[in-house]
PDB file of N, CA and C in Angstrom:
ATOM      1  N   MET A   1     118.619  12.427  88.002  1.00  0.00           N
ATOM      2  CA  MET A   1     117.283  12.751  88.532  1.00  0.00           C
ATOM      3  C   MET A   1     116.881  12.393  89.932  1.00  0.00           C
ATOM      4  N   LEU A   2     117.321  11.390  90.306  1.00  0.00           N
ATOM      5  CA  LEU A   2     117.173  11.052  91.829  1.00  0.00           C
ATOM      6  C   LEU A   2     118.130  12.035  92.771  1.00  0.00           C
ATOM      7  N   THR A   3     117.596  12.589  93.874  1.00  0.00           N
ATOM      8  CA  THR A   3     118.227  13.502  94.704  1.00  0.00           C
ATOM      9  C   THR A   3     118.489  12.916  96.137  1.00  0.00           C
ATOM     10  N   ASP A   4     117.660  12.102  96.627  1.00  0.00           N
ATOM     11  CA  ASP A   4     117.749  11.762  98.020  1.00  0.00           C
ATOM     12  C   ASP A   4     116.958  10.473  98.307  1.00  0.00           C
ATOM     13  N   ILE A   5     117.359   9.909  99.413  1.00  0.00           N
ATOM     14  CA  ILE A   5     116.656   8.497  99.923  1.00  0.00           C
ATOM     15  C   ILE A   5     116.150   8.821 101.305  1.00  0.00           C
ATOM     16  N   ASN A   6     115.052   8.321 101.739  1.00  0.00           N
ATOM     17  CA  ASN A   6     114.721   8.469 103.101  1.00  0.00           C
ATOM     18  C   ASN A   6     113.925   7.031 103.282  1.00  0.00           C
ATOM     19  N   PRO A   7     114.853   5.961 103.952  1.00  0.00           N
ATOM     20  CA  PRO A   7     114.278   4.775 104.430  1.00  0.00           C
ATOM     21  C   PRO A   7     113.138   4.971 105.466  1.00  0.00           C
ATOM     22  N   LYS A   8     112.174   4.059 105.383  1.00  0.00           N
ATOM     23  CA  LYS A   8     111.114   4.067 106.121  1.00  0.00           C
ATOM     24  C   LYS A   8     111.048   2.621 106.923  1.00  0.00           C
ATOM     25  N   LEU A   9     111.349   2.669 108.181  1.00  0.00           N
ATOM     26  CA  LEU A   9     111.276   1.440 109.003  1.00  0.00           C
ATOM     27  C   LEU A   9     110.235   1.594 109.948  1.00  0.00           C
ATOM     28  N   PRO A  10     109.865   0.130 110.463  1.00  0.00           N
ATOM     29  CA  PRO A  10     108.774  -0.151 111.350  1.00  0.00           C
ATOM     30  C   PRO A  10     109.171   0.309 112.850  1.00  0.00           C
ATOM     31  N   MET A  11     108.360   0.737 113.553  1.00  0.00           N
ATOM     32  CA  MET A  11     108.466   0.910 115.146  1.00  0.00           C
ATOM     33  C   MET A  11     107.140   0.555 115.578  1.00  0.00           C
ATOM     34  N   ARG A  12     107.261   0.157 116.882  1.00  0.00           N
ATOM     35  CA  ARG A  12     106.361  -0.368 117.812  1.00  0.00           C
ATOM     36  C   ARG A  12     105.777   0.615 118.752  1.00  0.00           C
ATOM     37  N   ASP A  13     106.638   1.666 119.172  1.00  0.00           N
ATOM     38  CA  ASP A  13     106.548   2.705 120.125  1.00  0.00           C
ATOM     39  C   ASP A  13     106.997   3.962 119.802  1.00  0.00           C
ATOM     40  N   LYS A  14     106.359   4.838 119.393  1.00  0.00           N
ATOM     41  CA  LYS A  14     107.006   6.151 118.807  1.00  0.00           C
ATOM     42  C   LYS A  14     107.902   6.710 119.704  1.00  0.00           C
ATOM     43  N   LYS A  15     107.629   6.730 121.089  1.00  0.00           N
ATOM     44  CA  LYS A  15     108.421   7.541 122.152  1.00  0.00           C
ATOM     45  C   LYS A  15     109.646   6.644 122.353  1.00  0.00           C
ATOM     46  N   VAL A  16     109.632   5.273 122.228  1.00  0.00           N
ATOM     47  CA  VAL A  16     110.901   4.645 122.619  1.00  0.00           C
ATOM     48  C   VAL A  16     111.839   4.721 121.356  1.00  0.00           C
ATOM     49  N   THR A  17     111.340   4.659 120.172  1.00  0.00           N
ATOM     50  CA  THR A  17     112.106   4.931 118.996  1.00  0.00           C
ATOM     51  C   THR A  17     112.654   6.229 118.856  1.00  0.00           C
ATOM     52  N   ARG A  18     111.942   7.490 119.263  1.00  0.00           N
ATOM     53  CA  ARG A  18     112.484   8.730 119.229  1.00  0.00           C
ATOM     54  C   ARG A  18     113.711   8.882 120.230  1.00  0.00           C
ATOM     55  N   GLU A  19     113.437   8.310 121.342  1.00  0.00           N
ATOM     56  CA  GLU A  19     114.284   8.445 122.444  1.00  0.00           C
ATOM     57  C   GLU A  19     115.753   7.689 122.160  1.00  0.00           C
ATOM     58  N   PHE A  20     115.688   6.676 121.435  1.00  0.00           N
ATOM     59  CA  PHE A  20     116.724   5.884 121.025  1.00  0.00           C
ATOM     60  C   PHE A  20     117.363   6.738 120.212  1.00  0.00           C
ATOM     61  N   TYR A  21     116.813   6.805 119.032  1.00  0.00           N
ATOM     62  CA  TYR A  21     117.587   7.799 117.920  1.00  0.00           C
ATOM     63  C   TYR A  21     118.044   9.091 118.333  1.00  0.00           C
ATOM     64  N   MET A  22     117.562   9.868 119.077  1.00  0.00           N
ATOM     65  CA  MET A  22     117.933  11.051 119.866  1.00  0.00           C
ATOM     66  C   MET A  22     119.186  10.664 120.821  1.00  0.00           C
ATOM     67  N   ASN A  23     118.734  10.035 121.665  1.00  0.00           N
ATOM     68  CA  ASN A  23     119.694   9.933 123.135  1.00  0.00           C
ATOM     69  C   ASN A  23     120.989   9.010 122.670  1.00  0.00           C
ATOM     70  N   LYS A  24     120.579   8.043 121.944  1.00  0.00           N
ATOM     71  CA  LYS A  24     121.802   7.191 121.636  1.00  0.00           C
ATOM     72  C   LYS A  24     122.513   7.446 120.205  1.00  0.00           C
ATOM     73  N   LEU A  25     121.928   7.704 119.241  1.00  0.00           N
ATOM     74  CA  LEU A  25     122.480   8.018 117.984  1.00  0.00           C
ATOM     75  C   LEU A  25     122.564   9.468 117.611  1.00  0.00           C
ATOM     76  N   GLY A  26     122.163  10.451 118.456  1.00  0.00           N
ATOM     77  CA  GLY A  26     122.343  11.818 117.955  1.00  0.00           C
ATOM     78  C   GLY A  26     121.452  12.403 117.074  1.00  0.00           C
ATOM     79  N   PHE A  27     120.264  11.783 116.788  1.00  0.00           N
ATOM     80  CA  PHE A  27     119.475  12.352 115.767  1.00  0.00           C
ATOM     81  C   PHE A  27     118.471  13.398 116.170  1.00  0.00           C
ATOM     82  N   GLN A  28     117.876  14.386 115.571  1.00  0.00           N
ATOM     83  CA  GLN A  28     116.708  15.034 115.867  1.00  0.00           C
ATOM     84  C   GLN A  28     115.534  14.859 115.298  1.00  0.00           C
ATOM     85  N   GLU A  29     114.315  15.177 115.783  1.00  0.00           N
ATOM     86  CA  GLU A  29     113.026  15.081 115.156  1.00  0.00           C
ATOM     87  C   GLU A  29     113.138  15.978 114.280  1.00  0.00           C
ATOM     88  N   PHE A  30     112.584  15.720 112.761  1.00  0.00           N
ATOM     89  CA  PHE A  30     112.341  16.488 111.811  1.00  0.00           C
ATOM     90  C   PHE A  30     111.019  16.985 111.502  1.00  0.00           C
ATOM     91  N   ASP A  31     110.788  18.237 111.499  1.00  0.00           N
ATOM     92  CA  ASP A  31     109.384  18.970 111.070  1.00  0.00           C
ATOM     93  C   ASP A  31     109.086  19.186 112.418  1.00  0.00           C
ATOM     94  N   THR A  32     107.888  19.970 112.545  1.00  0.00           N
ATOM     95  CA  THR A  32     107.365  20.338 113.549  1.00  0.00           C
ATOM     96  C   THR A  32     105.767  19.456 113.672  1.00  0.00           C
ATOM     97  N   ALA A  33     105.413  19.028 112.657  1.00  0.00           N
ATOM     98  CA  ALA A  33     104.188  18.328 112.633  1.00  0.00           C
ATOM     99  C   ALA A  33     104.233  17.044 113.564  1.00  0.00           C
ATOM    100  N   ASP A  34     103.212  16.670 114.141  1.00  0.00           N
ATOM    101  CA  ASP A  34     103.463  15.617 115.153  1.00  0.00           C
ATOM    102  C   ASP A  34     102.412  14.498 114.819  1.00  0.00           C
ATOM    103  N   PHE A  35     102.711  13.663 113.785  1.00  0.00           N
ATOM    104  CA  PHE A  35     101.742  12.407 113.616  1.00  0.00           C
ATOM    105  C   PHE A  35     101.929  11.227 114.573  1.00  0.00           C
ATOM    106  N   ASP A  36     100.479  10.734 114.855  1.00  0.00           N
ATOM    107  CA  ASP A  36     100.488   9.689 115.678  1.00  0.00           C
ATOM    108  C   ASP A  36     101.351   8.372 115.178  1.00  0.00           C
ATOM    109  N   ALA A  37     101.362   8.135 114.169  1.00  0.00           N
ATOM    110  CA  ALA A  37     101.686   6.829 113.493  1.00  0.00           C
ATOM    111  C   ALA A  37     102.841   7.014 112.640  1.00  0.00           C
ATOM    112  N   TYR A  38     103.605   8.086 112.503  1.00  0.00           N
ATOM    113  CA  TYR A  38     104.707   8.513 111.858  1.00  0.00           C
ATOM    114  C   TYR A  38     105.636   9.212 112.756  1.00  0.00           C
ATOM    115  N   LEU A  39     107.044   9.101 112.518  1.00  0.00           N
ATOM    116  CA  LEU A  39     108.238   9.910 113.002  1.00  0.00           C
ATOM    117  C   LEU A  39     109.040  10.152 111.749  1.00  0.00           C
ATOM    118  N   MET A  40     109.715  11.172 111.815  1.00  0.00           N
ATOM    119  CA  MET A  40     110.907  11.486 110.913  1.00  0.00           C
ATOM    120  C   MET A  40     112.040  12.010 111.727  1.00  0.00           C
ATOM    121  N   MET A  41     112.984  11.445 111.918  1.00  0.00           N
ATOM    122  CA  MET A  41     114.303  11.706 112.522  1.00  0.00           C
ATOM    123  C   MET A  41     115.460  12.137 111.432  1.00  0.00           C
ATOM    124  N   THR A  42     116.373  13.143 111.863  1.00  0.00           N
ATOM    125  CA  THR A  42     117.341  13.585 110.986  1.00  0.00           C
ATOM    126  C   THR A  42     118.790  13.805 111.760  1.00  0.00           C
ATOM    127  N   LYS A  43     119.790  13.578 110.967  1.00  0.00           N
ATOM    128  CA  LYS A  43     121.037  13.976 111.622  1.00  0.00           C
ATOM    129  C   LYS A  43     122.220  14.173 110.354  1.00  0.00           C
ATOM    130  N   ASP A  44     122.818  15.268 110.356  1.00  0.00           N
ATOM    131  CA  ASP A  44     123.557  15.821 109.519  1.00  0.00           C
ATOM    132  C   ASP A  44     122.688  15.780 108.069  1.00  0.00           C
ATOM    133  N   GLN A  45     123.208  14.922 106.955  1.00  0.00           N
ATOM    134  CA  GLN A  45     122.490  15.206 105.815  1.00  0.00           C
ATOM    135  C   GLN A  45     121.288  14.161 105.444  1.00  0.00           C
ATOM    136  N   ILE A  46     121.188  13.256 106.473  1.00  0.00           N
ATOM    137  CA  ILE A  46     120.091  12.123 106.243  1.00  0.00           C
ATOM    138  C   ILE A  46     118.986  12.206 107.093  1.00  0.00           C
ATOM    139  N   GLN A  47     117.918  11.755 106.619  1.00  0.00           N
ATOM    140  CA  GLN A  47     116.607  11.508 107.217  1.00  0.00           C
ATOM    141  C   GLN A  47     116.240   9.756 107.300  1.00  0.00           C
ATOM    142  N   ILE A  48     115.618   9.085 108.504  1.00  0.00           N
ATOM    143  CA  ILE A  48     114.907   8.118 108.519  1.00  0.00           C
ATOM    144  C   ILE A  48     113.471   8.294 108.949  1.00  0.00           C
ATOM    145  N   HIS A  49     112.460   7.767 108.238  1.00  0.00           N
ATOM    146  CA  HIS A  49     111.195   7.774 108.392  1.00  0.00           C
ATOM    147  C   HIS A  49     110.710   6.522 109.282  1.00  0.00           C
ATOM    148  N   PHE A  50     109.765   6.474 110.018  1.00  0.00           N
ATOM    149  CA  PHE A  50     109.338   5.317 111.045  1.00  0.00           C
ATOM    150  C   PHE A  50     107.960   5.444 111.006  1.00  0.00           C
ATOM    151  N   PHE A  51     107.335   4.255 110.655  1.00  0.00           N
ATOM    152  CA  PHE A  51     105.781   3.922 110.430  1.00  0.00           C
ATOM    153  C   PHE A  51     105.476   3.059 111.596  1.00  0.00           C
ATOM    154  N   LEU A  52     104.179   3.511 112.152  1.00  0.00           N
ATOM    155  CA  LEU A  52     103.874   2.696 113.416  1.00  0.00           C
ATOM    156  C   LEU A  52     103.177   1.103 113.095  1.00  0.00           C
ATOM    157  N   PHE A  53     103.914   0.112 113.609  1.00  0.00           N
ATOM    158  CA  PHE A  53     103.676  -1.225 113.488  1.00  0.00           C
ATOM    159  C   PHE A  53     103.496  -1.881 114.726  1.00  0.00           C
ATOM    160  N   LYS A  54     102.328  -1.670 115.612  1.00  0.00           N
ATOM    161  CA  LYS A  54     102.384  -2.144 116.914  1.00  0.00           C
ATOM    162  C   LYS A  54     102.590  -3.735 117.201  1.00  0.00           C
ATOM    163  N   ASP A  55     102.071  -4.321 115.915  1.00  0.00           N
ATOM    164  CA  ASP A  55     101.936  -5.753 116.051  1.00  0.00           C
ATOM    165  C   ASP A  55     103.377  -6.351 115.648  1.00  0.00           C
ATOM    166  N   LEU A  56     104.370  -5.621 115.413  1.00  0.00           N
ATOM    167  CA  LEU A  56     105.717  -5.812 114.732  1.00  0.00           C
ATOM    168  C   LEU A  56     106.282  -7.081 115.768  1.00  0.00           C
ATOM    169  N   ASP A  57     106.929  -8.367 115.313  1.00  0.00           N
ATOM    170  CA  ASP A  57     107.607  -9.221 116.191  1.00  0.00           C
ATOM    171  C   ASP A  57     108.956  -8.734 115.693  1.00  0.00           C
ATOM    172  N   PRO A  58     109.819  -8.217 116.615  1.00  0.00           N
ATOM    173  CA  PRO A  58     110.970  -7.552 116.424  1.00  0.00           C
ATOM    174  C   PRO A  58     111.975  -8.781 115.903  1.00  0.00           C
ATOM    175  N   LYS A  59     111.737  -9.923 116.248  1.00  0.00           N
ATOM    176  CA  LYS A  59     112.498 -11.392 115.914  1.00  0.00           C
ATOM    177  C   LYS A  59     112.298 -11.556 114.132  1.00  0.00           C
ATOM    178  N   GLU A  60     111.229 -10.790 113.668  1.00  0.00           N
ATOM    179  CA  GLU A  60     110.931 -10.972 112.151  1.00  0.00           C
ATOM    180  C   GLU A  60     111.082  -9.858 111.624  1.00  0.00           C
ATOM    181  N   ASN A  61     111.598  -8.971 112.143  1.00  0.00           N
ATOM    182  CA  ASN A  61     111.956  -7.495 111.490  1.00  0.00           C
ATOM    183  C   ASN A  61     113.269  -7.748 110.673  1.00  0.00           C
ATOM    184  N   TYR A  62     113.173  -7.543 109.300  1.00  0.00           N
ATOM    185  CA  TYR A  62     114.317  -7.657 108.528  1.00  0.00           C
ATOM    186  C   TYR A  62     114.861  -6.178 108.019  1.00  0.00           C
ATOM    187  N   GLY A  63     114.343  -5.115 108.513  1.00  0.00           N
ATOM    188  CA  GLY A  63     114.514  -3.813 108.045  1.00  0.00           C
ATOM    189  C   GLY A  63     115.944  -3.528 108.262  1.00  0.00           C
ATOM    190  N   GLN A  64     116.648  -3.039 107.228  1.00  0.00           N
ATOM    191  CA  GLN A  64     118.106  -2.633 107.253  1.00  0.00           C
ATOM    192  C   GLN A  64     118.439  -1.310 106.406  1.00  0.00           C
ATOM    193  N   VAL A  65     119.334  -0.594 106.944  1.00  0.00           N
ATOM    194  CA  VAL A  65     119.756   0.709 106.284  1.00  0.00           C
ATOM    195  C   VAL A  65     121.237   0.710 106.401  1.00  0.00           C
ATOM    196  N   TYR A  66     121.950   0.848 105.131  1.00  0.00           N
ATOM    197  CA  TYR A  66     123.421   1.194 105.068  1.00  0.00           C
ATOM    198  C   TYR A  66     123.460   2.751 105.305  1.00  0.00           C
ATOM    199  N   ILE A  67     124.083   3.218 106.288  1.00  0.00           N
ATOM    200  CA  ILE A  67     124.437   4.819 106.386  1.00  0.00           C
ATOM    201  C   ILE A  67     125.804   4.943 106.119  1.00  0.00           C
ATOM    202  N   ARG A  68     126.166   5.730 105.025  1.00  0.00           N
ATOM    203  CA  ARG A  68     127.354   6.032 104.964  1.00  0.00           C
ATOM    204  C   ARG A  68     128.002   7.300 105.581  1.00  0.00           C
ATOM    205  N   THR A  69     129.410   7.257 106.076  1.00  0.00           N
ATOM    206  CA  THR A  69     129.721   8.320 107.116  1.00  0.00           C
ATOM    207  C   THR A  69     131.406   8.630 106.465  1.00  0.00           C
ATOM    208  N   ASP A  70     131.696   9.687 106.978  1.00  0.00           N
ATOM    209  CA  ASP A  70     133.272  10.295 106.469  1.00  0.00           C
ATOM    210  C   ASP A  70     133.975  10.498 107.568  1.00  0.00           C
ATOM    211  N   ASP A  71     133.579   9.830 108.792  1.00  0.00           N
ATOM    212  CA  ASP A  71     134.496   9.974 110.037  1.00  0.00           C
ATOM    213  C   ASP A  71     133.973   8.556 110.929  1.00  0.00           C
ATOM    214  N   ILE A  72     133.953   7.443 110.400  1.00  0.00           N
ATOM    215  CA  ILE A  72     133.395   6.330 111.173  1.00  0.00           C
ATOM    216  C   ILE A  72     134.067   6.073 112.736  1.00  0.00           C
ATOM    217  N   ASP A  73     135.349   6.405 112.701  1.00  0.00           N
ATOM    218  CA  ASP A  73     135.934   6.281 114.004  1.00  0.00           C
ATOM    219  C   ASP A  73     135.298   7.149 115.025  1.00  0.00           C
ATOM    220  N   ARG A  74     135.111   8.469 114.606  1.00  0.00           N
ATOM    221  CA  ARG A  74     134.599   9.386 115.576  1.00  0.00           C
ATOM    222  C   ARG A  74     133.105   9.158 115.856  1.00  0.00           C
ATOM    223  N   LEU A  75     132.364   8.655 115.140  1.00  0.00           N
ATOM    224  CA  LEU A  75     130.984   8.199 115.032  1.00  0.00           C
ATOM    225  C   LEU A  75     130.910   6.797 115.922  1.00  0.00           C
ATOM    226  N   TYR A  76     131.611   5.981 115.730  1.00  0.00           N
ATOM    227  CA  TYR A  76     131.817   4.771 116.608  1.00  0.00           C
ATOM    228  C   TYR A  76     132.154   4.986 118.381  1.00  0.00           C
ATOM    229  N   ASP A  77     133.190   6.099 118.202  1.00  0.00           N
ATOM    230  CA  ASP A  77     133.607   6.534 119.576  1.00  0.00           C
ATOM    231  C   ASP A  77     132.463   7.021 120.545  1.00  0.00           C
ATOM    232  N   SER A  78     131.528   8.105 119.370  1.00  0.00           N
ATOM    233  CA  SER A  78     130.402   8.741 120.180  1.00  0.00           C
ATOM    234  C   SER A  78     129.367   7.647 120.408  1.00  0.00           C
ATOM    235  N   LEU A  79     129.286   6.920 119.865  1.00  0.00           N
ATOM    236  CA  LEU A  79     128.078   5.796 120.256  1.00  0.00           C
ATOM    237  C   LEU A  79     128.545   4.906 121.490  1.00  0.00           C
ATOM    238  N   LEU A  80     129.717   4.789 121.346  1.00  0.00           N
ATOM    239  CA  LEU A  80     130.486   4.093 122.737  1.00  0.00           C
ATOM    240  C   LEU A  80     130.040   5.039 123.735  1.00  0.00           C
ATOM    241  N   ASP A  81     130.401   6.173 123.698  1.00  0.00           N
ATOM    242  CA  ASP A  81     130.284   7.205 124.944  1.00  0.00           C
ATOM    243  C   ASP A  81     128.696   7.316 125.281  1.00  0.00           C
ATOM    244  N   SER A  82     127.848   7.011 124.471  1.00  0.00           N
ATOM    245  CA  SER A  82     126.400   7.148 124.648  1.00  0.00           C
ATOM    246  C   SER A  82     125.890   5.891 125.194  1.00  0.00           C
ATOM    247  N   LYS A  83     126.718   4.919 125.503  1.00  0.00           N
ATOM    248  CA  LYS A  83     126.381   3.426 125.815  1.00  0.00           C
ATOM    249  C   LYS A  83     125.325   2.715 124.905  1.00  0.00           C
ATOM    250  N   THR A  84     125.840   3.135 123.442  1.00  0.00           N
ATOM    251  CA  THR A  84     124.999   2.551 122.546  1.00  0.00           C
ATOM    252  C   THR A  84     125.563   0.863 122.332  1.00  0.00           C
ATOM    253  N   THR A  85     124.348  -0.228 122.526  1.00  0.00           N
ATOM    254  CA  THR A  85     125.178  -1.399 122.246  1.00  0.00           C
ATOM    255  C   THR A  85     125.387  -1.430 120.699  1.00  0.00           C
ATOM    256  N   ILE A  86     126.822  -2.124 120.543  1.00  0.00           N
ATOM    257  CA  ILE A  86     127.271  -2.322 119.125  1.00  0.00           C
ATOM    258  C   ILE A  86     126.709  -3.871 118.848  1.00  0.00           C
ATOM    259  N   HIS A  87     126.016  -4.165 117.605  1.00  0.00           N
ATOM    260  CA  HIS A  87     125.698  -5.574 117.504  1.00  0.00           C
ATOM    261  C   HIS A  87     126.800  -6.439 117.737  1.00  0.00           C
ATOM    262  N   PRO A  88     126.760  -7.665 118.267  1.00  0.00           N
ATOM    263  CA  PRO A  88     127.757  -8.489 118.463  1.00  0.00           C
ATOM    264  C   PRO A  88     128.253  -9.022 117.099  1.00  0.00           C
ATOM    265  N   ASN A  89     127.583  -9.076 116.111  1.00  0.00           N
ATOM    266  CA  ASN A  89     128.160  -9.778 114.714  1.00  0.00           C
ATOM    267  C   ASN A  89     128.494  -8.480 113.748  1.00  0.00           C
ATOM    268  N   GLY A  90     128.486  -7.273 114.405  1.00  0.00           N
ATOM    269  CA  GLY A  90     128.878  -6.210 113.469  1.00  0.00           C
ATOM    270  C   GLY A  90     129.685  -5.211 114.250  1.00  0.00           C
ATOM    271  N   PRO A  91     130.896  -5.623 114.932  1.00  0.00           N
ATOM    272  CA  PRO A  91     131.985  -4.667 115.617  1.00  0.00           C
ATOM    273  C   PRO A  91     132.376  -3.948 114.462  1.00  0.00           C
ATOM    274  N   LEU A  92     133.046  -2.934 114.810  1.00  0.00           N
ATOM    275  CA  LEU A  92     134.122  -1.951 113.829  1.00  0.00           C
ATOM    276  C   LEU A  92     135.175  -2.817 113.328  1.00  0.00           C
ATOM    277  N   GLU A  93     135.087  -2.890 112.069  1.00  0.00           N
ATOM    278  CA  GLU A  93     136.120  -3.743 111.446  1.00  0.00           C
ATOM    279  C   GLU A  93     136.310  -3.269 109.956  1.00  0.00           C
ATOM    280  N   ILE A  94     137.582  -3.524 109.132  1.00  0.00           N
ATOM    281  CA  ILE A  94     137.617  -3.163 107.808  1.00  0.00           C
ATOM    282  C   ILE A  94     137.117  -4.506 107.269  1.00  0.00           C
ATOM    283  N   LYS A  95     136.352  -4.351 106.022  1.00  0.00           N
ATOM    284  CA  LYS A  95     135.749  -5.593 105.434  1.00  0.00           C
ATOM    285  C   LYS A  95     136.748  -5.534 104.202  1.00  0.00           C
ATOM    286  N   SER A  96     136.524  -6.827 103.307  1.00  0.00           N
ATOM    287  CA  SER A  96     137.329  -7.430 102.357  1.00  0.00           C
ATOM    288  C   SER A  96     137.008  -6.083 101.097  1.00  0.00           C
ATOM    289  N   TRP A  97     135.641  -5.679 101.237  1.00  0.00           N
ATOM    290  CA  TRP A  97     135.520  -5.013 100.044  1.00  0.00           C
ATOM    291  C   TRP A  97     135.850  -3.482 100.371  1.00  0.00           C
ATOM    292  N   GLY A  98     136.588  -3.129 101.391  1.00  0.00           N
ATOM    293  CA  GLY A  98     137.175  -1.787 101.375  1.00  0.00           C
ATOM    294  C   GLY A  98     136.408  -0.984 101.928  1.00  0.00           C
ATOM    295  N   GLN A  99     135.645  -1.257 102.874  1.00  0.00           N
ATOM    296  CA  GLN A  99     134.650  -0.570 103.936  1.00  0.00           C
ATOM    297  C   GLN A  99     135.029  -0.706 105.191  1.00  0.00           C
ATOM    298  N   LYS A 100     135.026   0.149 106.177  1.00  0.00           N
ATOM    299  CA  LYS A 100     135.260  -0.102 107.343  1.00  0.00           C
ATOM    300  C   LYS A 100     133.766   0.378 108.139  1.00  0.00           C
ATOM    301  N   GLU A 101     133.295  -0.546 108.902  1.00  0.00           N
ATOM    302  CA  GLU A 101     131.895  -0.938 109.214  1.00  0.00           C
ATOM    303  C   GLU A 101     131.781  -1.223 110.768  1.00  0.00           C
ATOM    304  N   PHE A 102     130.491  -0.836 111.091  1.00  0.00           N
ATOM    305  CA  PHE A 102     130.094  -1.564 112.237  1.00  0.00           C
ATOM    306  C   PHE A 102     128.324  -1.223 112.152  1.00  0.00           C
ATOM    307  N   SER A 103     127.979  -2.140 113.070  1.00  0.00           N
ATOM    308  CA  SER A 103     126.481  -2.002 113.149  1.00  0.00           C
ATOM    309  C   SER A 103     125.879  -2.049 114.451  1.00  0.00           C
ATOM    310  N   VAL A 104     124.416  -1.526 114.463  1.00  0.00           N
ATOM    311  CA  VAL A 104     123.450  -1.281 115.793  1.00  0.00           C
ATOM    312  C   VAL A 104     122.219  -1.980 115.398  1.00  0.00           C
ATOM    313  N   LEU A 105     121.436  -2.449 116.530  1.00  0.00           N
ATOM    314  CA  LEU A 105     119.984  -2.655 116.052  1.00  0.00           C
ATOM    315  C   LEU A 105     119.304  -1.744 116.830  1.00  0.00           C
ATOM    316  N   ASP A 106     118.479  -1.262 116.300  1.00  0.00           N
ATOM    317  CA  ASP A 106     117.262  -0.299 116.964  1.00  0.00           C
ATOM    318  C   ASP A 106     116.602  -0.998 117.996  1.00  0.00           C
ATOM    319  N   PRO A 107     115.511  -0.243 118.657  1.00  0.00           N
ATOM    320  CA  PRO A 107     114.590  -1.177 119.555  1.00  0.00           C
ATOM    321  C   PRO A 107     113.604  -2.081 119.111  1.00  0.00           C
ATOM    322  N   ASP A 108     113.452  -1.908 117.780  1.00  0.00           N
ATOM    323  CA  ASP A 108     112.735  -2.910 116.992  1.00  0.00           C
ATOM    324  C   ASP A 108     113.260  -3.935 116.097  1.00  0.00           C
ATOM    325  N   HIS A 109     114.464  -3.799 116.237  1.00  0.00           N
ATOM    326  CA  HIS A 109     115.534  -5.018 115.545  1.00  0.00           C
ATOM    327  C   HIS A 109     115.777  -4.415 113.999  1.00  0.00           C
ATOM    328  N   SER A 110     115.554  -3.391 113.886  1.00  0.00           N
ATOM    329  CA  SER A 110     116.051  -2.854 112.235  1.00  0.00           C
ATOM    330  C   SER A 110     117.651  -2.709 112.427  1.00  0.00           C
ATOM    331  N   LEU A 111     118.328  -3.396 111.454  1.00  0.00           N
ATOM    332  CA  LEU A 111     119.676  -3.134 111.376  1.00  0.00           C
ATOM    333  C   LEU A 111     120.445  -2.162 110.851  1.00  0.00           C
ATOM    334  N   LEU A 112     121.220  -1.145 111.538  1.00  0.00           N
ATOM    335  CA  LEU A 112     121.642  -0.005 111.104  1.00  0.00           C
ATOM    336  C   LEU A 112     123.262   0.154 110.782  1.00  0.00           C
ATOM    337  N   THR A 113     123.760  -0.426 109.625  1.00  0.00           N
ATOM    338  CA  THR A 113     125.087  -0.520 109.248  1.00  0.00           C
ATOM    339  C   THR A 113     125.657   0.840 109.042  1.00  0.00           C
ATOM    340  N   PHE A 114     126.729   1.296 109.612  1.00  0.00           N
ATOM    341  CA  PHE A 114     127.375   2.360 109.325  1.00  0.00           C
ATOM    342  C   PHE A 114     128.820   2.105 108.343  1.00  0.00           C
ATOM    343  N   GLY A 115     129.069   2.853 107.642  1.00  0.00           N
ATOM    344  CA  GLY A 115     130.392   2.261 106.851  1.00  0.00           C
ATOM    345  C   GLY A 115     131.054   3.514 106.320  1.00  0.00           C
ATOM    346  N   GLN A 116     132.317   3.562 105.947  1.00  0.00           N
ATOM    347  CA  GLN A 116     133.128   4.335 105.536  1.00  0.00           C
ATOM    348  C   GLN A 116     133.967   3.924 104.445  1.00  0.00           C
ATOM    349  N   ASN A 117     134.207   4.196 103.078  1.00  0.00           N
ATOM    350  CA  ASN A 117     135.037   3.697 102.175  1.00  0.00           C
ATOM    351  C   ASN A 117     136.600   3.981 102.751  1.00  0.00           C
ATOM    352  N   ILE A 118     137.242   3.034 102.736  1.00  0.00           N
ATOM    353  CA  ILE A 118     138.792   3.112 102.875  1.00  0.00           C
ATOM    354  C   ILE A 118     139.767   2.948 102.011  1.00  0.00           C
ATOM    355  N   SER A 119     139.291   2.680 100.650  1.00  0.00           N
ATOM    356  CA  SER A 119     140.039   2.151  99.434  1.00  0.00           C
ATOM    357  C   SER A 119     141.167   1.516  99.989  1.00  0.00           C
ATOM    358  N   LEU A 120     141.084   0.117 100.154  1.00  0.00           N
ATOM    359  CA  LEU A 120     142.135  -0.491 100.172  1.00  0.00           C
ATOM    360  C   LEU A 120     143.289  -0.428  99.415  1.00  0.00           C
TER     361      LEU A 120
END
């Protein structure tokens, strides 16, 4: 019955969030509706939604999303090309559970982990 999931993450500044996801991660804004306190971004088959939380302390943000990909090496290289900072504790590596992963933090410190099953 379930068909999709669209995580909702906090954002302090819609413009900053939009620019990061577009310019660093290659997302596009979804839909033509422009809501002051809400943003929807899309890339390939996924969407991430954002809600305005002006008082968010990034050091206390525990938002996390795990995003699966079928070409992690190409994605990783494209993020390096766009000068996206890779999380220092989340470099591209093969994990013991059979995933090749890396992570980045968005401007509000939501953790985005990208992973591909490599079936050890």
